[in-house]
Amino acid sequence: MLKIINRGNAEPFSWVCDPTVEFQPGQIAELTVLGNQICATVSAGLAPIGIIDDIRTKSFTNVSWNEEIIVPIQNPSGSPSNPTVPYDTKVELKHPSIVKTSFRSSVPVELNANNGVITFIAGTPLNFNLTGNGPNDSIRAIVNYTYYIPNIPGDDSTASSGRMTVWYNRGIFETTVYETNQQYAVRANLFVSEMGLLTTRQPSTLHPAVATVTAPPSAISPTLQFMWF
């Protein structure tokens, strides 16, 4: 998803589209040469030119940001001052079909990406007091991830034109297409990942900053708002 907050008087540009790539609105584009034709394709982060406002994908994705998991633990193991999970404990997340590389958890867990199930391994320290008194009696984790939206097939807005729309001028935008395994703070620099996603992770010193965070994602709104340079 891409939402345009403020674009001033700027208009996007339309380039011939690389026919070999998939993309969603909010990913970042760069130019490439196929044969003797200059085409727009998904950026690898080194030479980004703008924000894609078209779609060509087999499935849609969305973001779950700061999803809270709290599990009460009966008869914990370990010492009274350091209680731990006594056996492997499985919990279903809100969404299955998770993009495995997008997953981040505040507590180490094992992830079943297909089913959307996480497992707290036996021996994990309890870190939350659900009753409000006494020692910790629960385990609490905050997870972020991207998931595939079920029962909605993909789309191709470039099918008739063969062209990709790209916003390349300064503006403020919102998107749900970004690396969810990173943290986002107001005024943090944004770079482009190897998969064309916005991220606060700089893949190398050769990757330029392309935008800055103006409003980070939250549990209420998982969209990332940013100002494109």
Protein backbone atom coordinates (compact mmCIF):
# COMPACT_ATOMS: atom_id res chain seq x y z
CA MET A 1 0.00 0.00 0.00
CA LEU A 2 1.16 3.51 -0.83
CA LYS A 3 -0.63 6.63 0.38
CA ILE A 4 0.38 10.10 -0.83
CA ILE A 5 0.24 12.63 2.02
CA ASN A 6 1.88 15.64 0.37
CA ARG A 7 3.39 15.79 -3.12
CA GLY A 8 3.29 19.55 -3.70
CA ASN A 9 3.01 20.27 -7.43
CA ALA A 10 5.08 17.23 -8.43
CA GLU A 11 3.82 14.54 -10.79
CA PRO A 12 5.14 10.97 -11.08
CA PHE A 13 7.07 9.69 -14.08
CA SER A 14 6.17 6.63 -16.12
CA TRP A 15 8.93 4.31 -17.31
CA VAL A 16 8.80 1.13 -19.36
CA CYS A 17 8.62 -1.68 -16.80
CA ASP A 18 11.05 -4.56 -16.40
CA PRO A 19 8.84 -7.56 -17.31
CA THR A 20 10.74 -9.99 -15.05
CA VAL A 21 10.06 -8.51 -11.57
CA GLU A 22 7.21 -8.46 -9.05
CA PHE A 23 6.50 -5.41 -6.89
CA GLN A 24 3.93 -3.62 -4.75
CA PRO A 25 3.18 0.09 -4.24
CA GLY A 26 5.68 1.44 -1.73
CA GLN A 27 8.69 -0.49 -2.97
CA ILE A 28 11.55 1.50 -4.46
CA ALA A 29 12.52 1.63 -8.14
CA GLU A 30 15.74 2.08 -10.02
CA LEU A 31 16.62 2.13 -13.71
CA THR A 32 18.20 -0.71 -15.65
CA VAL A 33 18.93 -1.52 -19.28
CA LEU A 34 17.35 -4.52 -20.99
CA GLY A 35 18.59 -4.92 -24.54
CA ASN A 36 18.61 -1.35 -25.81
CA GLN A 37 15.69 -0.23 -23.62
CA ILE A 38 15.94 1.75 -20.36
CA CYS A 39 13.46 0.20 -17.92
CA ALA A 40 12.30 0.73 -14.35
CA THR A 41 12.85 -2.22 -12.04
CA VAL A 42 12.91 -2.99 -8.31
CA SER A 43 15.88 -1.29 -6.67
CA ALA A 44 18.68 -3.20 -4.95
CA GLY A 45 19.44 -0.09 -2.90
CA LEU A 46 22.49 1.35 -4.66
CA ALA A 47 20.79 3.58 -7.25
CA PRO A 48 17.20 4.24 -6.13
CA ILE A 49 15.21 6.80 -8.09
CA GLY A 50 11.74 6.86 -6.53
CA ILE A 51 8.69 5.12 -5.06
CA ILE A 52 6.72 2.61 -7.10
CA ASP A 53 2.99 3.34 -7.46
CA ASP A 54 2.00 0.25 -9.45
CA ILE A 55 1.58 -3.40 -8.64
CA ARG A 56 2.60 -6.69 -10.18
CA THR A 57 2.40 -9.53 -7.72
CA LYS A 58 0.90 -12.98 -7.22
CA SER A 59 -0.29 -12.11 -3.69
CA PHE A 60 -0.77 -9.10 -1.44
CA THR A 61 0.99 -8.54 1.89
CA ASN A 62 0.27 -6.56 5.04
CA VAL A 63 2.08 -5.78 8.29
CA SER A 64 1.46 -6.75 11.90
CA TRP A 65 3.40 -4.30 14.06
CA ASN A 66 3.99 -4.58 17.82
CA GLU A 67 1.66 -7.54 18.22
CA GLU A 68 1.67 -8.40 21.93
CA ILE A 69 1.80 -12.01 23.09
CA ILE A 70 1.28 -12.78 26.81
CA VAL A 71 1.22 -16.40 28.00
CA PRO A 72 0.57 -17.30 31.66
CA ILE A 73 2.83 -20.16 32.76
CA GLN A 74 1.58 -22.67 35.34
CA ASN A 75 4.16 -24.39 37.57
CA PRO A 76 7.27 -22.73 36.11
CA SER A 77 10.63 -24.40 36.42
CA GLY A 78 13.84 -22.77 37.61
CA SER A 79 14.31 -21.00 40.92
CA PRO A 80 11.68 -18.77 42.59
CA SER A 81 13.84 -15.74 41.80
CA ASN A 82 14.39 -16.82 38.18
CA PRO A 83 11.34 -18.79 36.95
CA THR A 84 11.46 -20.25 33.45
CA VAL A 85 9.15 -21.90 30.93
CA PRO A 86 8.94 -25.61 32.00
CA TYR A 87 8.16 -27.01 28.53
CA ASP A 88 7.94 -25.86 24.92
CA THR A 89 4.89 -23.61 24.68
CA LYS A 90 3.17 -22.89 21.36
CA VAL A 91 1.10 -19.77 20.63
CA GLU A 92 -0.80 -18.79 17.49
CA LEU A 93 -0.14 -15.34 16.09
CA LYS A 94 -2.95 -13.24 14.63
CA HIS A 95 -1.96 -14.13 11.08
CA PRO A 96 -0.49 -17.20 9.30
CA SER A 97 1.52 -17.21 6.06
CA ILE A 98 4.33 -15.06 7.44
CA VAL A 99 7.25 -13.86 5.35
CA LYS A 100 9.95 -15.57 7.41
CA THR A 101 12.68 -12.98 6.81
CA SER A 102 10.38 -10.20 8.04
CA PHE A 103 9.85 -11.68 11.53
CA ARG A 104 11.22 -10.00 14.65
CA SER A 105 10.52 -10.88 18.30
CA SER A 106 11.56 -9.21 21.55
CA VAL A 107 12.01 -12.70 23.05
CA PRO A 108 13.78 -15.58 21.29
CA VAL A 109 11.19 -17.95 19.79
CA GLU A 110 10.93 -20.58 17.09
CA LEU A 111 8.63 -19.61 14.21
CA ASN A 112 6.43 -21.78 12.02
CA ALA A 113 5.95 -19.25 9.23
CA ASN A 114 3.28 -21.20 7.33
CA ASN A 115 0.93 -21.69 10.28
CA GLY A 116 1.77 -18.46 12.11
CA VAL A 117 2.76 -20.29 15.31
CA ILE A 118 5.62 -19.36 17.63
CA THR A 119 7.17 -21.61 20.27
CA PHE A 120 8.71 -20.42 23.53
CA ILE A 121 11.43 -22.95 24.21
CA ALA A 122 11.67 -24.67 27.61
CA GLY A 123 14.08 -22.74 29.83
CA THR A 124 13.12 -19.28 28.52
CA PRO A 125 12.99 -16.91 31.53
CA LEU A 126 9.60 -15.52 32.50
CA ASN A 127 9.63 -11.75 32.03
CA PHE A 128 6.14 -10.53 32.95
CA ASN A 129 3.98 -10.38 36.08
CA LEU A 130 0.38 -10.79 34.98
CA THR A 131 -1.12 -10.75 38.48
CA GLY A 132 0.81 -7.68 39.58
CA ASN A 133 2.38 -9.23 42.68
CA GLY A 134 4.98 -11.85 43.47
CA PRO A 135 7.51 -13.22 40.97
CA ASN A 136 7.05 -13.20 37.23
CA ASP A 137 4.31 -15.63 36.23
CA SER A 138 4.09 -15.14 32.45
CA ILE A 139 6.11 -14.62 29.33
CA ARG A 140 5.53 -11.57 27.14
CA ALA A 141 6.81 -10.96 23.62
CA ILE A 142 6.32 -8.16 21.09
CA VAL A 143 6.50 -9.36 17.48
CA ASN A 144 6.58 -7.62 14.11
CA TYR A 145 6.16 -9.34 10.76
CA THR A 146 4.81 -9.17 7.21
CA TYR A 147 2.19 -11.71 6.17
CA TYR A 148 0.44 -12.73 2.96
CA ILE A 149 -3.24 -11.77 2.83
CA PRO A 150 -5.23 -14.99 2.27
CA ASN A 151 -7.83 -15.54 -0.46
CA ILE A 152 -6.90 -12.38 -2.37
CA PRO A 153 -5.09 -13.05 -5.64
CA GLY A 154 -2.43 -10.70 -6.91
CA ASP A 155 -2.84 -8.08 -9.60
CA ASP A 156 -0.93 -6.40 -12.41
CA SER A 157 -1.65 -2.73 -13.01
CA THR A 158 1.04 -2.63 -15.71
CA ALA A 159 -0.60 -5.28 -17.91
CA SER A 160 -2.10 -2.91 -20.47
CA SER A 161 0.58 -0.22 -20.56
CA GLY A 162 3.78 -2.11 -19.76
CA ARG A 163 4.88 0.94 -17.78
CA MET A 164 5.66 1.62 -14.11
CA THR A 165 4.61 4.79 -12.30
CA VAL A 166 7.33 6.20 -10.02
CA TRP A 167 7.21 9.16 -7.63
CA TYR A 168 10.68 10.70 -7.65
CA ASN A 169 10.21 14.24 -6.30
CA ARG A 170 10.25 15.35 -2.68
CA GLY A 171 7.07 14.43 -0.84
CA ILE A 172 5.52 12.75 2.19
CA PHE A 173 4.14 9.23 1.82
CA GLU A 174 2.84 6.29 3.87
CA THR A 175 3.38 2.62 3.14
CA THR A 176 2.95 -0.85 4.64
CA VAL A 177 5.81 -2.19 2.51
CA TYR A 178 9.04 -1.98 4.55
CA GLU A 179 11.40 -4.19 6.54
CA THR A 180 9.50 -5.16 9.68
CA ASN A 181 12.56 -6.68 11.37
CA GLN A 182 14.02 -3.19 11.99
CA GLN A 183 13.11 -0.36 14.38
CA TYR A 184 11.86 3.04 13.19
CA ALA A 185 12.22 6.31 15.07
CA VAL A 186 11.15 9.80 14.06
CA ARG A 187 13.86 11.49 11.91
CA ALA A 188 15.73 8.21 11.36
CA ASN A 189 17.33 7.89 7.93
CA LEU A 190 15.80 5.35 5.58
CA PHE A 191 17.73 3.26 3.09
CA VAL A 192 16.67 0.72 0.47
CA SER A 193 17.15 -3.00 1.10
CA GLU A 194 18.34 -5.54 -1.42
CA MET A 195 14.65 -6.33 -2.09
CA GLY A 196 13.60 -2.73 -2.73
CA LEU A 197 12.08 -2.18 0.73
CA LEU A 198 12.54 0.88 2.91
CA THR A 199 14.59 0.14 6.02
CA THR A 200 16.66 1.84 8.71
CA ARG A 201 19.34 -0.78 8.03
CA GLN A 202 22.12 0.48 5.76
CA PRO A 203 23.21 -2.58 3.73
CA SER A 204 26.60 -1.02 3.01
CA THR A 205 28.35 2.34 3.08
CA LEU A 206 27.57 2.63 -0.65
CA HIS A 207 23.81 2.61 -0.03
CA PRO A 208 22.51 6.20 0.16
CA ALA A 209 19.82 7.51 2.49
CA VAL A 210 16.68 8.22 0.46
CA ALA A 211 14.14 9.37 3.04
CA THR A 212 13.53 10.14 6.70
CA VAL A 213 10.88 8.80 9.09
CA THR A 214 8.14 11.33 9.87
CA ALA A 215 5.84 8.93 11.75
CA PRO A 216 6.89 5.41 12.80
CA PRO A 217 4.59 2.39 12.67
CA SER A 218 2.67 1.48 15.82
CA ALA A 219 0.27 -1.14 17.13
CA ILE A 220 -2.59 1.21 16.16
CA SER A 221 -1.31 2.02 12.66
CA PRO A 222 1.28 -0.26 11.05
CA THR A 223 2.00 2.21 8.24
CA LEU A 224 5.40 3.87 7.96
CA GLN A 225 5.21 7.57 7.11
CA PHE A 226 8.29 9.12 5.54
CA MET A 227 9.58 12.12 3.62
CA TRP A 228 11.28 11.20 0.35
CA PHE A 229 14.38 13.28 -0.36
